[in-house]
Amino acid sequence: MSRTFAYCRVSTAGQTTENQVQEIKSAGFDIQPQRCIEETISGSTGSSERKGFNTLLDRMESGDVLVVTKLDRLGRNAIDVQSTVQRLEGMGIRVHCLALGGVDLTSPAGKMTMTVLAAVAQFERDLLIERTQAGLERAKAEGKALGRPVKASSEQVQALKERNMSQSQVAAELEISLSTVKRLWKAA
């Protein structure tokens, strides 16, 4: 007989998972307390790096069902969510997402939904890259300096070197790292 688990996640300590737990119960899932994993961790953290999620994986077996309220509870982006669902499917675990009408993401319809969502996410990433590149080209055309601001010039380092200062003293004087001093030490 399959067991049902719930994974509820919030991003900050000021938030609570109570709404997610209630939503799962309202959808008709009877989850025993020890099978409801709740954690507070940023969504930008991959599922494999989440202590609570790994605890969940340790408890689940083939034939079990995992219920989440939204896809973003499972991973930091569409690719992470997709790989997490594939990992669970490989373990024989079905994944239900309430925000998608409770569809089993490991079923053919669920896989299709995941594929469409992954395509949309990839499209959004491609548009973001395109806009970033256009912005960089515009900035270059306007003559703006790109990259990190220079903290010290080779001339500054050479001037202090000529005053017989050590590399460590130059780094302290210019408030830069020793590796930057070493790079500029031989530059002139």
N, C-alpha and C. Protein backbone atom coordinates (compact mmCIF):
# COMPACT_ATOMS: atom_id res chain seq x y z
N MET A 1 0.85 -1.19 0.00
CA MET A 1 0.00 0.00 0.00
C MET A 1 0.89 1.24 0.00
N SER A 2 0.58 2.19 -0.87
CA SER A 2 1.41 3.38 -0.97
C SER A 2 1.15 4.33 0.19
N ARG A 3 2.20 5.01 0.56
CA ARG A 3 2.11 6.03 1.60
C ARG A 3 2.16 7.40 0.93
N THR A 4 1.55 8.39 1.57
CA THR A 4 1.53 9.74 1.02
C THR A 4 2.34 10.66 1.91
N PHE A 5 3.25 11.40 1.27
CA PHE A 5 4.11 12.37 1.96
C PHE A 5 3.81 13.76 1.41
N ALA A 6 4.13 14.76 2.22
CA ALA A 6 3.99 16.15 1.77
C ALA A 6 5.32 16.86 2.00
N TYR A 7 5.68 17.72 1.07
CA TYR A 7 6.86 18.56 1.23
C TYR A 7 6.40 20.00 1.17
N CYS A 8 6.59 20.71 2.28
CA CYS A 8 6.17 22.11 2.38
C CYS A 8 7.41 22.96 2.69
N ARG A 9 7.63 23.99 1.89
CA ARG A 9 8.82 24.82 2.06
C ARG A 9 8.45 26.29 2.00
N VAL A 10 9.08 27.07 2.87
CA VAL A 10 9.00 28.53 2.81
C VAL A 10 10.43 29.06 2.76
N SER A 11 10.56 30.32 2.31
CA SER A 11 11.90 30.87 2.09
C SER A 11 12.50 31.57 3.30
N THR A 12 11.67 32.18 4.13
CA THR A 12 12.20 32.95 5.25
C THR A 12 11.55 32.55 6.57
N ALA A 13 12.23 32.85 7.66
CA ALA A 13 11.74 32.47 9.00
C ALA A 13 10.42 33.16 9.33
N GLY A 14 10.14 34.29 8.73
CA GLY A 14 8.90 35.01 9.00
C GLY A 14 7.68 34.38 8.34
N GLN A 15 7.91 33.40 7.47
CA GLN A 15 6.81 32.74 6.78
C GLN A 15 6.48 31.42 7.47
N THR A 16 5.31 30.89 7.16
CA THR A 16 4.89 29.62 7.75
C THR A 16 4.38 28.67 6.67
N THR A 17 4.51 27.39 6.92
CA THR A 17 4.06 26.38 5.98
C THR A 17 2.60 25.97 6.23
N GLU A 18 1.97 26.58 7.21
CA GLU A 18 0.60 26.18 7.59
C GLU A 18 -0.37 26.22 6.41
N ASN A 19 -0.29 27.25 5.57
CA ASN A 19 -1.19 27.35 4.42
C ASN A 19 -1.00 26.18 3.46
N GLN A 20 0.25 25.79 3.24
CA GLN A 20 0.52 24.67 2.35
C GLN A 20 -0.04 23.36 2.92
N VAL A 21 0.16 23.15 4.22
CA VAL A 21 -0.35 21.94 4.88
C VAL A 21 -1.87 21.90 4.77
N GLN A 22 -2.51 23.06 5.03
CA GLN A 22 -3.97 23.13 4.95
C GLN A 22 -4.48 22.89 3.53
N GLU A 23 -3.78 23.43 2.55
CA GLU A 23 -4.17 23.24 1.14
C GLU A 23 -4.11 21.76 0.75
N ILE A 24 -3.08 21.08 1.22
CA ILE A 24 -2.94 19.65 0.93
C ILE A 24 -4.07 18.84 1.59
N LYS A 25 -4.37 19.19 2.83
CA LYS A 25 -5.47 18.51 3.53
C LYS A 25 -6.81 18.80 2.85
N SER A 26 -7.01 20.04 2.42
CA SER A 26 -8.26 20.43 1.75
C SER A 26 -8.43 19.70 0.41
N ALA A 27 -7.33 19.30 -0.19
CA ALA A 27 -7.39 18.58 -1.47
C ALA A 27 -7.72 17.10 -1.26
N GLY A 28 -7.86 16.70 0.01
CA GLY A 28 -8.28 15.33 0.31
C GLY A 28 -7.15 14.39 0.66
N PHE A 29 -5.95 14.90 0.83
CA PHE A 29 -4.83 14.05 1.21
C PHE A 29 -4.73 14.00 2.73
N ASP A 30 -4.70 12.78 3.28
CA ASP A 30 -4.56 12.59 4.72
C ASP A 30 -3.10 12.23 4.99
N ILE A 31 -2.35 13.22 5.41
CA ILE A 31 -0.91 13.04 5.61
C ILE A 31 -0.64 12.90 7.11
N GLN A 32 0.02 11.83 7.49
CA GLN A 32 0.40 11.67 8.90
C GLN A 32 1.51 12.66 9.22
N PRO A 33 1.53 13.18 10.44
CA PRO A 33 2.52 14.22 10.81
C PRO A 33 3.97 13.86 10.49
N GLN A 34 4.35 12.61 10.71
CA GLN A 34 5.74 12.21 10.45
C GLN A 34 6.06 12.13 8.96
N ARG A 35 5.02 12.23 8.13
CA ARG A 35 5.23 12.17 6.67
C ARG A 35 5.07 13.55 6.02
N CYS A 36 4.97 14.56 6.85
CA CYS A 36 4.89 15.93 6.34
C CYS A 36 6.20 16.63 6.68
N ILE A 37 7.01 16.87 5.69
CA ILE A 37 8.31 17.52 5.89
C ILE A 37 8.15 19.01 5.61
N GLU A 38 8.47 19.80 6.62
CA GLU A 38 8.38 21.26 6.49
C GLU A 38 9.76 21.83 6.72
N GLU A 39 10.15 22.79 5.86
CA GLU A 39 11.45 23.42 6.07
C GLU A 39 11.45 24.86 5.60
N THR A 40 12.35 25.62 6.21
CA THR A 40 12.55 27.02 5.85
C THR A 40 13.92 27.13 5.22
N ILE A 41 13.92 27.31 3.89
CA ILE A 41 15.17 27.42 3.14
C ILE A 41 14.87 28.15 1.84
N SER A 42 15.81 28.93 1.38
CA SER A 42 15.63 29.71 0.16
C SER A 42 15.32 28.83 -1.04
N GLY A 43 14.44 29.31 -1.89
CA GLY A 43 14.12 28.60 -3.12
C GLY A 43 15.29 28.55 -4.08
N SER A 44 16.28 29.40 -3.88
CA SER A 44 17.45 29.40 -4.77
C SER A 44 18.40 28.24 -4.45
N THR A 45 18.14 27.54 -3.34
CA THR A 45 18.93 26.37 -2.98
C THR A 45 18.37 25.15 -3.70
N GLY A 46 19.21 24.45 -4.39
CA GLY A 46 18.77 23.26 -5.12
C GLY A 46 18.20 22.21 -4.19
N SER A 47 17.27 21.41 -4.68
CA SER A 47 16.61 20.41 -3.84
C SER A 47 17.60 19.43 -3.23
N SER A 48 18.65 19.08 -3.95
CA SER A 48 19.62 18.11 -3.44
C SER A 48 20.44 18.67 -2.28
N GLU A 49 20.41 19.99 -2.09
CA GLU A 49 21.17 20.63 -1.02
C GLU A 49 20.30 20.98 0.18
N ARG A 50 19.06 20.55 0.17
CA ARG A 50 18.12 20.86 1.25
C ARG A 50 18.06 19.70 2.23
N LYS A 51 18.34 19.99 3.49
CA LYS A 51 18.35 18.95 4.52
C LYS A 51 16.99 18.28 4.65
N GLY A 52 15.93 19.08 4.71
CA GLY A 52 14.58 18.52 4.87
C GLY A 52 14.19 17.65 3.69
N PHE A 53 14.53 18.09 2.48
CA PHE A 53 14.18 17.31 1.30
C PHE A 53 14.94 16.00 1.28
N ASN A 54 16.20 16.02 1.70
CA ASN A 54 16.98 14.79 1.75
C ASN A 54 16.44 13.83 2.81
N THR A 55 15.95 14.39 3.93
CA THR A 55 15.29 13.57 4.95
C THR A 55 14.07 12.89 4.35
N LEU A 56 13.31 13.65 3.57
CA LEU A 56 12.13 13.12 2.89
C LEU A 56 12.52 11.95 1.98
N LEU A 57 13.57 12.13 1.19
CA LEU A 57 14.01 11.07 0.28
C LEU A 57 14.41 9.81 1.03
N ASP A 58 15.04 10.00 2.20
CA ASP A 58 15.45 8.85 3.01
C ASP A 58 14.24 8.06 3.51
N ARG A 59 13.13 8.73 3.76
CA ARG A 59 11.93 8.07 4.30
C ARG A 59 11.05 7.43 3.24
N MET A 60 11.15 7.91 2.01
CA MET A 60 10.24 7.44 0.96
C MET A 60 10.75 6.17 0.30
N GLU A 61 9.78 5.38 -0.19
CA GLU A 61 10.08 4.12 -0.86
C GLU A 61 9.31 4.07 -2.18
N SER A 62 9.67 3.13 -3.00
CA SER A 62 8.97 2.92 -4.27
C SER A 62 7.48 2.69 -4.00
N GLY A 63 6.64 3.34 -4.80
CA GLY A 63 5.19 3.23 -4.64
C GLY A 63 4.58 4.35 -3.82
N ASP A 64 5.42 5.13 -3.14
CA ASP A 64 4.92 6.25 -2.34
C ASP A 64 4.51 7.41 -3.23
N VAL A 65 3.77 8.34 -2.65
CA VAL A 65 3.30 9.53 -3.36
C VAL A 65 3.80 10.76 -2.62
N LEU A 66 4.33 11.73 -3.36
CA LEU A 66 4.74 13.01 -2.79
C LEU A 66 3.79 14.08 -3.30
N VAL A 67 3.26 14.90 -2.37
CA VAL A 67 2.34 15.97 -2.73
C VAL A 67 3.00 17.30 -2.41
N VAL A 68 2.96 18.22 -3.38
CA VAL A 68 3.42 19.60 -3.17
C VAL A 68 2.33 20.54 -3.64
N THR A 69 2.30 21.74 -3.08
CA THR A 69 1.27 22.69 -3.48
C THR A 69 1.61 23.35 -4.81
N LYS A 70 2.89 23.65 -5.02
CA LYS A 70 3.34 24.32 -6.24
C LYS A 70 4.66 23.72 -6.69
N LEU A 71 4.93 23.83 -7.98
CA LEU A 71 6.17 23.29 -8.53
C LEU A 71 7.42 23.92 -7.91
N ASP A 72 7.36 25.21 -7.61
CA ASP A 72 8.55 25.89 -7.10
C ASP A 72 8.97 25.39 -5.72
N ARG A 73 8.13 24.59 -5.07
CA ARG A 73 8.52 23.99 -3.80
C ARG A 73 9.60 22.94 -4.03
N LEU A 74 9.65 22.37 -5.23
CA LEU A 74 10.55 21.26 -5.53
C LEU A 74 11.95 21.68 -5.99
N GLY A 75 12.12 22.89 -6.48
CA GLY A 75 13.43 23.26 -6.99
C GLY A 75 13.56 24.74 -7.27
N ARG A 76 14.77 25.15 -7.59
CA ARG A 76 15.06 26.58 -7.75
C ARG A 76 14.69 27.10 -9.13
N ASN A 77 14.56 26.20 -10.13
CA ASN A 77 14.17 26.62 -11.46
C ASN A 77 13.58 25.40 -12.18
N ALA A 78 13.14 25.62 -13.41
CA ALA A 78 12.47 24.54 -14.14
C ALA A 78 13.37 23.32 -14.33
N ILE A 79 14.64 23.55 -14.58
CA ILE A 79 15.56 22.43 -14.79
C ILE A 79 15.74 21.65 -13.50
N ASP A 80 15.89 22.35 -12.37
CA ASP A 80 16.04 21.68 -11.08
C ASP A 80 14.76 20.91 -10.73
N VAL A 81 13.61 21.51 -10.98
CA VAL A 81 12.33 20.83 -10.72
C VAL A 81 12.23 19.57 -11.58
N GLN A 82 12.57 19.70 -12.85
CA GLN A 82 12.48 18.56 -13.77
C GLN A 82 13.41 17.44 -13.34
N SER A 83 14.64 17.77 -12.96
CA SER A 83 15.57 16.72 -12.54
C SER A 83 15.13 16.09 -11.22
N THR A 84 14.52 16.89 -10.33
CA THR A 84 14.01 16.36 -9.07
C THR A 84 12.87 15.38 -9.33
N VAL A 85 11.96 15.75 -10.21
CA VAL A 85 10.83 14.86 -10.55
C VAL A 85 11.36 13.57 -11.20
N GLN A 86 12.35 13.70 -12.08
CA GLN A 86 12.92 12.51 -12.73
C GLN A 86 13.60 11.61 -11.69
N ARG A 87 14.28 12.24 -10.74
CA ARG A 87 14.93 11.47 -9.67
C ARG A 87 13.90 10.70 -8.86
N LEU A 88 12.81 11.38 -8.50
CA LEU A 88 11.74 10.73 -7.73
C LEU A 88 11.09 9.61 -8.55
N GLU A 89 10.86 9.87 -9.82
CA GLU A 89 10.27 8.86 -10.69
C GLU A 89 11.18 7.63 -10.77
N GLY A 90 12.48 7.87 -10.84
CA GLY A 90 13.45 6.78 -10.87
C GLY A 90 13.42 5.94 -9.60
N MET A 91 12.99 6.54 -8.51
CA MET A 91 12.86 5.82 -7.24
C MET A 91 11.50 5.15 -7.11
N GLY A 92 10.64 5.33 -8.14
CA GLY A 92 9.31 4.74 -8.10
C GLY A 92 8.31 5.56 -7.32
N ILE A 93 8.58 6.84 -7.15
CA ILE A 93 7.72 7.74 -6.37
C ILE A 93 6.93 8.62 -7.32
N ARG A 94 5.61 8.69 -7.12
CA ARG A 94 4.75 9.56 -7.91
C ARG A 94 4.72 10.94 -7.25
N VAL A 95 4.65 11.98 -8.07
CA VAL A 95 4.66 13.36 -7.57
C VAL A 95 3.39 14.06 -8.03
N HIS A 96 2.61 14.58 -7.08
CA HIS A 96 1.38 15.31 -7.39
C HIS A 96 1.57 16.78 -7.03
N CYS A 97 1.18 17.65 -7.95
CA CYS A 97 1.27 19.10 -7.74
C CYS A 97 -0.14 19.67 -7.75
N LEU A 98 -0.56 20.24 -6.62
CA LEU A 98 -1.93 20.76 -6.50
C LEU A 98 -2.18 21.94 -7.43
N ALA A 99 -1.17 22.79 -7.64
CA ALA A 99 -1.35 23.97 -8.49
C ALA A 99 -1.61 23.59 -9.95
N LEU A 100 -1.27 22.37 -10.31
CA LEU A 100 -1.50 21.89 -11.67
C LEU A 100 -2.68 20.93 -11.70
N GLY A 101 -3.61 21.14 -10.80
CA GLY A 101 -4.81 20.30 -10.76
C GLY A 101 -4.57 18.94 -10.16
N GLY A 102 -3.50 18.81 -9.38
CA GLY A 102 -3.19 17.53 -8.74
C GLY A 102 -2.63 16.50 -9.68
N VAL A 103 -2.19 16.93 -10.86
CA VAL A 103 -1.67 16.00 -11.86
C VAL A 103 -0.43 15.29 -11.32
N ASP A 104 -0.31 14.01 -11.64
CA ASP A 104 0.87 13.23 -11.29
C ASP A 104 1.95 13.58 -12.31
N LEU A 105 3.00 14.22 -11.84
CA LEU A 105 4.06 14.70 -12.75
C LEU A 105 4.86 13.57 -13.37
N THR A 106 4.70 12.35 -12.86
CA THR A 106 5.42 11.22 -13.43
C THR A 106 4.57 10.48 -14.47
N SER A 107 3.30 10.91 -14.65
CA SER A 107 2.42 10.30 -15.65
C SER A 107 2.71 10.94 -17.02
N PRO A 108 2.20 10.34 -18.10
CA PRO A 108 2.41 10.96 -19.42
C PRO A 108 1.92 12.41 -19.49
N ALA A 109 0.73 12.69 -18.92
CA ALA A 109 0.21 14.07 -18.94
C ALA A 109 1.10 14.99 -18.09
N GLY A 110 1.56 14.47 -16.97
CA GLY A 110 2.45 15.26 -16.10
C GLY A 110 3.78 15.55 -16.76
N LYS A 111 4.32 14.54 -17.46
CA LYS A 111 5.59 14.73 -18.18
C LYS A 111 5.43 15.77 -19.27
N MET A 112 4.29 15.73 -19.96
CA MET A 112 4.04 16.73 -21.00
C MET A 112 3.99 18.13 -20.37
N THR A 113 3.30 18.26 -19.26
CA THR A 113 3.20 19.54 -18.56
C THR A 113 4.59 20.03 -18.17
N MET A 114 5.40 19.13 -17.64
CA MET A 114 6.76 19.49 -17.23
C MET A 114 7.59 19.93 -18.44
N THR A 115 7.43 19.26 -19.56
CA THR A 115 8.18 19.60 -20.77
C THR A 115 7.79 20.99 -21.28
N VAL A 116 6.50 21.28 -21.27
CA VAL A 116 6.03 22.61 -21.70
C VAL A 116 6.58 23.68 -20.76
N LEU A 117 6.50 23.42 -19.46
CA LEU A 117 7.01 24.40 -18.49
C LEU A 117 8.52 24.60 -18.64
N ALA A 118 9.25 23.52 -18.89
CA ALA A 118 10.70 23.63 -19.09
C ALA A 118 11.01 24.44 -20.35
N ALA A 119 10.21 24.25 -21.40
CA ALA A 119 10.41 25.01 -22.64
C ALA A 119 10.16 26.50 -22.41
N VAL A 120 9.13 26.82 -21.66
CA VAL A 120 8.83 28.22 -21.34
C VAL A 120 9.97 28.82 -20.51
N ALA A 121 10.45 28.06 -19.54
CA ALA A 121 11.55 28.55 -18.70
C ALA A 121 12.81 28.78 -19.53
N GLN A 122 13.11 27.86 -20.45
CA GLN A 122 14.27 28.04 -21.32
C GLN A 122 14.11 29.27 -22.21
N PHE A 123 12.90 29.49 -22.71
CA PHE A 123 12.61 30.66 -23.53
C PHE A 123 12.86 31.93 -22.73
N GLU A 124 12.40 31.96 -21.47
CA GLU A 124 12.62 33.12 -20.61
C GLU A 124 14.10 33.35 -20.37
N ARG A 125 14.86 32.26 -20.13
CA ARG A 125 16.31 32.40 -19.92
C ARG A 125 16.98 32.96 -21.17
N ASP A 126 16.58 32.45 -22.34
CA ASP A 126 17.15 32.93 -23.60
C ASP A 126 16.86 34.41 -23.82
N LEU A 127 15.63 34.84 -23.50
CA LEU A 127 15.28 36.26 -23.62
C LEU A 127 16.11 37.11 -22.66
N LEU A 128 16.32 36.62 -21.45
CA LEU A 128 17.12 37.35 -20.47
C LEU A 128 18.55 37.52 -20.97
N ILE A 129 19.12 36.46 -21.51
CA ILE A 129 20.49 36.52 -22.06
C ILE A 129 20.54 37.51 -23.23
N GLU A 130 19.53 37.46 -24.08
CA GLU A 130 19.47 38.36 -25.24
C GLU A 130 19.42 39.82 -24.78
N ARG A 131 18.59 40.10 -23.78
CA ARG A 131 18.48 41.48 -23.26
C ARG A 131 19.78 41.92 -22.60
N THR A 132 20.42 41.02 -21.88
CA THR A 132 21.69 41.34 -21.23
C THR A 132 22.76 41.67 -22.27
N GLN A 133 22.85 40.85 -23.31
CA GLN A 133 23.83 41.09 -24.38
C GLN A 133 23.57 42.42 -25.09
N ALA A 134 22.29 42.72 -25.33
CA ALA A 134 21.94 43.99 -25.98
C ALA A 134 22.34 45.17 -25.10
N GLY A 135 22.13 45.04 -23.80
CA GLY A 135 22.51 46.09 -22.86
C GLY A 135 24.02 46.30 -22.81
N LEU A 136 24.76 45.20 -22.85
CA LEU A 136 26.23 45.30 -22.85
C LEU A 136 26.73 45.96 -24.13
N GLU A 137 26.15 45.59 -25.28
CA GLU A 137 26.55 46.20 -26.55
C GLU A 137 26.25 47.70 -26.55
N ARG A 138 25.08 48.08 -26.03
CA ARG A 138 24.72 49.49 -25.96
C ARG A 138 25.71 50.25 -25.07
N ALA A 139 26.06 49.66 -23.91
CA ALA A 139 27.00 50.31 -23.00
C ALA A 139 28.36 50.48 -23.65
N LYS A 140 28.82 49.45 -24.38
CA LYS A 140 30.10 49.54 -25.09
C LYS A 140 30.05 50.65 -26.13
N ALA A 141 28.95 50.73 -26.89
CA ALA A 141 28.80 51.75 -27.93
C ALA A 141 28.80 53.15 -27.33
N GLU A 142 28.31 53.28 -26.11
CA GLU A 142 28.30 54.58 -25.43
C GLU A 142 29.62 54.88 -24.75
N GLY A 143 30.57 53.93 -24.84
CA GLY A 143 31.90 54.16 -24.29
C GLY A 143 32.00 53.92 -22.79
N LYS A 144 31.03 53.26 -22.21
CA LYS A 144 31.07 52.98 -20.77
C LYS A 144 32.05 51.85 -20.50
N ALA A 145 32.74 51.97 -19.37
CA ALA A 145 33.67 50.93 -18.95
C ALA A 145 32.86 49.78 -18.35
N LEU A 146 33.16 48.56 -18.79
CA LEU A 146 32.46 47.39 -18.29
C LEU A 146 33.35 46.62 -17.33
N GLY A 147 32.75 45.84 -16.47
CA GLY A 147 33.50 45.02 -15.53
C GLY A 147 33.70 45.71 -14.20
N ARG A 148 34.50 45.07 -13.39
CA ARG A 148 34.77 45.60 -12.05
C ARG A 148 35.59 46.88 -12.15
N PRO A 149 35.34 47.82 -11.25
CA PRO A 149 36.17 49.03 -11.24
C PRO A 149 37.60 48.68 -10.79
N VAL A 150 38.57 49.37 -11.36
CA VAL A 150 39.97 49.15 -11.01
C VAL A 150 40.23 49.78 -9.65
N LYS A 151 40.78 48.98 -8.72
CA LYS A 151 41.06 49.50 -7.38
C LYS A 151 42.46 50.12 -7.30
N ALA A 152 43.36 49.61 -8.13
CA ALA A 152 44.73 50.14 -8.12
C ALA A 152 45.33 49.95 -9.50
N SER A 153 46.17 50.89 -9.88
CA SER A 153 46.82 50.78 -11.18
C SER A 153 48.22 50.23 -11.02
N SER A 154 48.77 49.79 -12.13
CA SER A 154 50.14 49.30 -12.15
C SER A 154 51.11 50.41 -11.72
N GLU A 155 50.77 51.63 -12.15
CA GLU A 155 51.63 52.78 -11.80
C GLU A 155 51.67 53.00 -10.29
N GLN A 156 50.53 52.86 -9.62
CA GLN A 156 50.49 53.04 -8.16
C GLN A 156 51.36 51.99 -7.48
N VAL A 157 51.24 50.75 -7.91
CA VAL A 157 52.02 49.67 -7.31
C VAL A 157 53.51 49.90 -7.56
N GLN A 158 53.87 50.29 -8.80
CA GLN A 158 55.27 50.51 -9.13
C GLN A 158 55.87 51.67 -8.32
N ALA A 159 55.06 52.71 -8.09
CA ALA A 159 55.55 53.86 -7.31
C ALA A 159 55.88 53.44 -5.88
N LEU A 160 55.03 52.61 -5.29
CA LEU A 160 55.28 52.15 -3.92
C LEU A 160 56.42 51.13 -3.89
N LYS A 161 56.57 50.37 -4.94
CA LYS A 161 57.67 49.40 -5.06
C LYS A 161 59.00 50.15 -5.09
N GLU A 162 59.04 51.29 -5.82
CA GLU A 162 60.26 52.09 -5.90
C GLU A 162 60.63 52.72 -4.56
N ARG A 163 59.64 52.85 -3.66
CA ARG A 163 59.90 53.37 -2.31
C ARG A 163 60.33 52.24 -1.37
N ASN A 164 60.69 51.08 -1.99
CA ASN A 164 61.17 49.90 -1.27
C ASN A 164 60.16 49.31 -0.29
N MET A 165 58.87 49.44 -0.63
CA MET A 165 57.84 48.81 0.19
C MET A 165 57.70 47.35 -0.24
N SER A 166 57.38 46.48 0.71
CA SER A 166 57.16 45.06 0.39
C SER A 166 55.78 44.91 -0.26
N GLN A 167 55.57 43.75 -0.85
CA GLN A 167 54.28 43.49 -1.47
C GLN A 167 53.14 43.56 -0.44
N SER A 168 53.37 43.06 0.75
CA SER A 168 52.35 43.11 1.80
C SER A 168 52.06 44.55 2.22
N GLN A 169 53.10 45.37 2.30
CA GLN A 169 52.92 46.78 2.65
C GLN A 169 52.13 47.52 1.57
N VAL A 170 52.44 47.22 0.31
CA VAL A 170 51.71 47.84 -0.81
C VAL A 170 50.24 47.45 -0.75
N ALA A 171 49.97 46.17 -0.49
CA ALA A 171 48.58 45.70 -0.40
C ALA A 171 47.84 46.44 0.70
N ALA A 172 48.48 46.60 1.85
CA ALA A 172 47.84 47.31 2.97
C ALA A 172 47.64 48.79 2.63
N GLU A 173 48.63 49.40 2.02
CA GLU A 173 48.58 50.83 1.68
C GLU A 173 47.45 51.11 0.69
N LEU A 174 47.32 50.29 -0.34
CA LEU A 174 46.32 50.51 -1.38
C LEU A 174 44.98 49.83 -1.08
N GLU A 175 44.94 49.06 0.02
CA GLU A 175 43.73 48.33 0.41
C GLU A 175 43.25 47.40 -0.70
N ILE A 176 44.21 46.61 -1.21
CA ILE A 176 43.92 45.62 -2.24
C ILE A 176 44.51 44.29 -1.79
N SER A 177 44.15 43.22 -2.47
CA SER A 177 44.64 41.90 -2.09
C SER A 177 46.10 41.73 -2.51
N LEU A 178 46.77 40.83 -1.81
CA LEU A 178 48.16 40.53 -2.12
C LEU A 178 48.29 39.95 -3.53
N SER A 179 47.29 39.16 -3.95
CA SER A 179 47.36 38.59 -5.31
C SER A 179 47.28 39.69 -6.37
N THR A 180 46.51 40.74 -6.12
CA THR A 180 46.44 41.87 -7.06
C THR A 180 47.79 42.58 -7.12
N VAL A 181 48.43 42.78 -5.96
CA VAL A 181 49.75 43.40 -5.93
C VAL A 181 50.75 42.56 -6.73
N LYS A 182 50.72 41.26 -6.51
CA LYS A 182 51.67 40.38 -7.20
C LYS A 182 51.46 40.43 -8.71
N ARG A 183 50.20 40.52 -9.14
CA ARG A 183 49.90 40.60 -10.57
C ARG A 183 50.45 41.90 -11.16
N LEU A 184 50.33 43.01 -10.41
CA LEU A 184 50.77 44.31 -10.91
C LEU A 184 52.24 44.60 -10.61
N TRP A 185 52.86 43.80 -9.76
CA TRP A 185 54.25 44.00 -9.31
C TRP A 185 55.21 43.95 -10.50
N LYS A 186 54.94 42.99 -11.41
CA LYS A 186 55.83 42.79 -12.55
C LYS A 186 55.31 43.45 -13.81
N ALA A 187 54.19 44.13 -13.73
CA ALA A 187 53.47 44.62 -14.91
C ALA A 187 54.22 45.69 -15.70
N ALA A 188 55.04 46.46 -15.08
CA ALA A 188 55.63 47.60 -15.81
C ALA A 188 56.97 47.35 -16.39
